[in-house]
Every structure is written in C-alpha cells, then in structure tokens.
C-alpha cells in the first residue's frame, strides 16, 4: 500500500514538473513585447498590449509616447508626443526586428530608422523590470 502511495506522489511531482516546463515565452504578437523594460542607459520603456508605448529616456533626457505595429517579428514604432527636444530626424517611424532570447530579455536589430538617438537606445539589450 505504501509503495502505491509513493508511486502516486512521484507521478504527481513528475506531471507538475512537465507542465511547468511547457511554459513558453511568446515570440510574436503584442504578448511578446508587453511589459516594462529597461536598458543599460537607464531608459524605461513600457510597451502596452494595445499598441501604445511610453519611454523615459536618460540619453537624451526625454519622455516619449507613441504607437507601434507588429508584423511577425518586425516592429514599427512611431512617436506621437514627446516631452523634451526632438532630436534631428526623429519625427518619422523606426523599423526593427525583435527577438526574445529568454523570458526576461528583449533584443532589437535595426531594419530602417534615421533617428540616431532612437537607434542607440532601441538596439541595446532590454531586460524586464
């Protein structure tokens, strides 16, 4: 009888471990990006699942609000409002490929953008806050 209980407990532990191991990080869609992220410059980027974002940048110092659209692993970001001076060539959109190396890391690679300040910030590794 004790052996049968031990086997049931062991089976339950293995089942729970297997289910927990199936948790995956979304790699596409708003769920892949939604959250609050920070980079090595101290920029905090809050990406909302509704296609909007807010960033508090330190280099250059600014608060930025905007929208984004996704197509597969490509994001297009567009500023809609900014508190602080607008750097040269930063009024248009920026296009980047993104990846999720793990649950707490977000990475971007430049596709098309002429805004040097945005390129410098966005292409840094991002970590979930």
C-alpha atoms as a PDB file:
ATOM      1  CA  UNK A   1       0.000   0.000   0.000  1.00  0.00           C
ATOM      2  CA  UNK A   2       2.806   2.447   0.889  1.00  0.00           C
ATOM      3  CA  UNK A   3       4.547   1.710  -2.383  1.00  0.00           C
ATOM      4  CA  UNK A   4       1.385   2.572  -4.339  1.00  0.00           C
ATOM      5  CA  UNK A   5       1.060   5.936  -2.498  1.00  0.00           C
ATOM      6  CA  UNK A   6       4.727   6.683  -3.140  1.00  0.00           C
ATOM      7  CA  UNK A   7       4.256   5.989  -6.854  1.00  0.00           C
ATOM      8  CA  UNK A   8       1.205   8.288  -6.975  1.00  0.00           C
ATOM      9  CA  UNK A   9       3.128  11.104  -5.300  1.00  0.00           C
ATOM     10  CA  UNK A  10       6.090  10.582  -7.619  1.00  0.00           C
ATOM     11  CA  UNK A  11       3.791  10.598 -10.660  1.00  0.00           C
ATOM     12  CA  UNK A  12       2.121  13.821  -9.459  1.00  0.00           C
ATOM     13  CA  UNK A  13       5.506  15.538  -8.989  1.00  0.00           C
ATOM     14  CA  UNK A  14       6.673  14.481 -12.453  1.00  0.00           C
ATOM     15  CA  UNK A  15       3.385  15.681 -14.002  1.00  0.00           C
ATOM     16  CA  UNK A  16       3.625  19.098 -12.320  1.00  0.00           C
ATOM     17  CA  UNK A  17       7.265  19.469 -13.439  1.00  0.00           C
ATOM     18  CA  UNK A  18       6.348  18.539 -17.012  1.00  0.00           C
ATOM     19  CA  UNK A  19       3.503  21.073 -17.122  1.00  0.00           C
ATOM     20  CA  UNK A  20       5.713  23.820 -15.650  1.00  0.00           C
ATOM     21  CA  UNK A  21       8.382  23.033 -18.261  1.00  0.00           C
ATOM     22  CA  UNK A  22       5.878  23.665 -21.055  1.00  0.00           C
ATOM     23  CA  UNK A  23       5.592  27.371 -20.224  1.00  0.00           C
ATOM     24  CA  UNK A  24       6.851  29.315 -23.213  1.00  0.00           C
ATOM     25  CA  UNK A  25       7.763  32.912 -23.922  1.00  0.00           C
ATOM     26  CA  UNK A  26       5.598  34.476 -26.644  1.00  0.00           C
ATOM     27  CA  UNK A  27       7.769  35.297 -29.648  1.00  0.00           C
ATOM     28  CA  UNK A  28       5.245  37.205 -31.716  1.00  0.00           C
ATOM     29  CA  UNK A  29       2.281  39.495 -31.252  1.00  0.00           C
ATOM     30  CA  UNK A  30       1.789  42.095 -28.512  1.00  0.00           C
ATOM     31  CA  UNK A  31       2.292  39.461 -25.792  1.00  0.00           C
ATOM     32  CA  UNK A  32       5.924  39.097 -26.854  1.00  0.00           C
ATOM     33  CA  UNK A  33       6.644  42.749 -26.110  1.00  0.00           C
ATOM     34  CA  UNK A  34       4.144  43.874 -23.468  1.00  0.00           C
ATOM     35  CA  UNK A  35       5.713  44.865 -20.178  1.00  0.00           C
ATOM     36  CA  UNK A  36       8.145  47.280 -18.644  1.00  0.00           C
ATOM     37  CA  UNK A  37      11.707  47.043 -19.934  1.00  0.00           C
ATOM     38  CA  UNK A  38      14.977  48.783 -19.108  1.00  0.00           C
ATOM     39  CA  UNK A  39      18.331  49.005 -20.894  1.00  0.00           C
ATOM     40  CA  UNK A  40      21.916  49.828 -19.890  1.00  0.00           C
ATOM     41  CA  UNK A  41      21.305  53.554 -20.479  1.00  0.00           C
ATOM     42  CA  UNK A  42      18.612  53.523 -17.780  1.00  0.00           C
ATOM     43  CA  UNK A  43      15.808  54.036 -20.291  1.00  0.00           C
ATOM     44  CA  UNK A  44      12.498  52.574 -19.115  1.00  0.00           C
ATOM     45  CA  UNK A  45      10.192  51.501 -21.950  1.00  0.00           C
ATOM     46  CA  UNK A  46       6.643  50.480 -21.117  1.00  0.00           C
ATOM     47  CA  UNK A  47       5.098  48.607 -24.030  1.00  0.00           C
ATOM     48  CA  UNK A  48       1.345  48.132 -23.754  1.00  0.00           C
ATOM     49  CA  UNK A  49      -0.566  45.301 -25.457  1.00  0.00           C
ATOM     50  CA  UNK A  50      -2.914  47.873 -27.066  1.00  0.00           C
ATOM     51  CA  UNK A  51      -0.221  49.119 -29.477  1.00  0.00           C
ATOM     52  CA  UNK A  52       0.942  52.115 -27.417  1.00  0.00           C
ATOM     53  CA  UNK A  53       4.152  52.785 -25.505  1.00  0.00           C
ATOM     54  CA  UNK A  54       5.747  55.253 -23.110  1.00  0.00           C
ATOM     55  CA  UNK A  55       9.506  55.638 -22.729  1.00  0.00           C
ATOM     56  CA  UNK A  56      11.503  57.613 -20.200  1.00  0.00           C
ATOM     57  CA  UNK A  57      14.943  58.129 -21.689  1.00  0.00           C
ATOM     58  CA  UNK A  58      18.042  59.472 -19.995  1.00  0.00           C
ATOM     59  CA  UNK A  59      20.255  59.924 -23.111  1.00  0.00           C
ATOM     60  CA  UNK A  60      18.929  62.285 -24.399  1.00  0.00           C
ATOM     61  CA  UNK A  61      16.631  63.121 -21.492  1.00  0.00           C
ATOM     62  CA  UNK A  62      13.039  62.822 -22.685  1.00  0.00           C
ATOM     63  CA  UNK A  63       9.646  61.270 -22.163  1.00  0.00           C
ATOM     64  CA  UNK A  64       8.202  59.767 -25.304  1.00  0.00           C
ATOM     65  CA  UNK A  65       4.731  58.453 -26.065  1.00  0.00           C
ATOM     66  CA  UNK A  66       3.872  56.633 -29.233  1.00  0.00           C
ATOM     67  CA  UNK A  67       2.325  53.749 -31.077  1.00  0.00           C
ATOM     68  CA  UNK A  68       3.672  50.552 -32.563  1.00  0.00           C
ATOM     69  CA  UNK A  69       2.552  47.968 -35.074  1.00  0.00           C
ATOM     70  CA  UNK A  70       3.762  44.409 -35.412  1.00  0.00           C
ATOM     71  CA  UNK A  71       4.182  42.159 -38.410  1.00  0.00           C
ATOM     72  CA  UNK A  72       5.659  38.821 -37.388  1.00  0.00           C
ATOM     73  CA  UNK A  73       8.962  39.623 -35.695  1.00  0.00           C
ATOM     74  CA  UNK A  74       9.093  43.205 -37.017  1.00  0.00           C
ATOM     75  CA  UNK A  75       8.000  46.255 -35.020  1.00  0.00           C
ATOM     76  CA  UNK A  76       7.412  49.729 -36.389  1.00  0.00           C
ATOM     77  CA  UNK A  77       7.492  52.455 -33.735  1.00  0.00           C
ATOM     78  CA  UNK A  78       6.159  55.968 -34.191  1.00  0.00           C
ATOM     79  CA  UNK A  79       6.410  58.790 -31.662  1.00  0.00           C
ATOM     80  CA  UNK A  80       3.164  60.705 -31.136  1.00  0.00           C
ATOM     81  CA  UNK A  81       4.225  63.030 -28.332  1.00  0.00           C
ATOM     82  CA  UNK A  82       7.464  63.975 -26.605  1.00  0.00           C
ATOM     83  CA  UNK A  83       8.458  65.928 -23.515  1.00  0.00           C
ATOM     84  CA  UNK A  84      11.915  67.243 -24.321  1.00  0.00           C
ATOM     85  CA  UNK A  85      13.626  68.340 -27.507  1.00  0.00           C
ATOM     86  CA  UNK A  86      13.130  66.245 -30.636  1.00  0.00           C
ATOM     87  CA  UNK A  87      16.495  65.056 -31.973  1.00  0.00           C
ATOM     88  CA  UNK A  88      17.218  65.541 -35.672  1.00  0.00           C
ATOM     89  CA  UNK A  89      15.450  63.053 -37.992  1.00  0.00           C
ATOM     90  CA  UNK A  90      13.316  61.565 -35.190  1.00  0.00           C
ATOM     91  CA  UNK A  91       9.850  62.532 -36.360  1.00  0.00           C
ATOM     92  CA  UNK A  92       9.385  59.511 -38.634  1.00  0.00           C
ATOM     93  CA  UNK A  93       8.958  55.835 -37.806  1.00  0.00           C
ATOM     94  CA  UNK A  94      11.623  53.314 -36.929  1.00  0.00           C
ATOM     95  CA  UNK A  95      11.532  49.662 -38.005  1.00  0.00           C
ATOM     96  CA  UNK A  96      13.278  46.871 -36.072  1.00  0.00           C
ATOM     97  CA  UNK A  97      13.330  43.075 -35.887  1.00  0.00           C
ATOM     98  CA  UNK A  98      12.855  41.771 -32.377  1.00  0.00           C
ATOM     99  CA  UNK A  99      13.639  38.542 -30.567  1.00  0.00           C
ATOM    100  CA  UNK A 100      13.108  37.114 -27.098  1.00  0.00           C
ATOM    101  CA  UNK A 101      16.254  35.177 -26.127  1.00  0.00           C
ATOM    102  CA  UNK A 102      14.574  34.321 -22.808  1.00  0.00           C
ATOM    103  CA  UNK A 103      11.599  35.327 -20.663  1.00  0.00           C
ATOM    104  CA  UNK A 104      13.318  38.432 -19.274  1.00  0.00           C
ATOM    105  CA  UNK A 105      15.267  39.665 -22.302  1.00  0.00           C
ATOM    106  CA  UNK A 106      14.162  41.554 -25.391  1.00  0.00           C
ATOM    107  CA  UNK A 107      16.504  42.385 -28.289  1.00  0.00           C
ATOM    108  CA  UNK A 108      16.104  44.569 -31.377  1.00  0.00           C
ATOM    109  CA  UNK A 109      18.044  44.745 -34.649  1.00  0.00           C
ATOM    110  CA  UNK A 110      17.801  47.808 -36.886  1.00  0.00           C
ATOM    111  CA  UNK A 111      15.877  47.393 -40.140  1.00  0.00           C
ATOM    112  CA  UNK A 112      15.206  51.026 -41.099  1.00  0.00           C
ATOM    113  CA  UNK A 113      15.474  54.177 -38.976  1.00  0.00           C
ATOM    114  CA  UNK A 114      17.214  57.532 -39.419  1.00  0.00           C
ATOM    115  CA  UNK A 115      16.883  58.648 -35.786  1.00  0.00           C
ATOM    116  CA  UNK A 116      20.335  58.092 -34.252  1.00  0.00           C
ATOM    117  CA  UNK A 117      19.151  58.601 -30.657  1.00  0.00           C
ATOM    118  CA  UNK A 118      16.382  56.014 -31.092  1.00  0.00           C
ATOM    119  CA  UNK A 119      18.720  53.533 -32.813  1.00  0.00           C
ATOM    120  CA  UNK A 120      21.235  53.902 -29.979  1.00  0.00           C
ATOM    121  CA  UNK A 121      18.558  53.245 -27.325  1.00  0.00           C
ATOM    122  CA  UNK A 122      16.423  50.606 -29.027  1.00  0.00           C
ATOM    123  CA  UNK A 123      19.305  48.365 -30.115  1.00  0.00           C
ATOM    124  CA  UNK A 124      20.572  47.963 -26.536  1.00  0.00           C
ATOM    125  CA  UNK A 125      19.595  44.704 -24.761  1.00  0.00           C
ATOM    126  CA  UNK A 126      16.368  45.167 -22.781  1.00  0.00           C
ATOM    127  CA  UNK A 127      15.566  43.425 -19.508  1.00  0.00           C
ATOM    128  CA  UNK A 128      12.172  43.016 -17.871  1.00  0.00           C
ATOM    129  CA  UNK A 129      11.767  45.281 -14.846  1.00  0.00           C
END
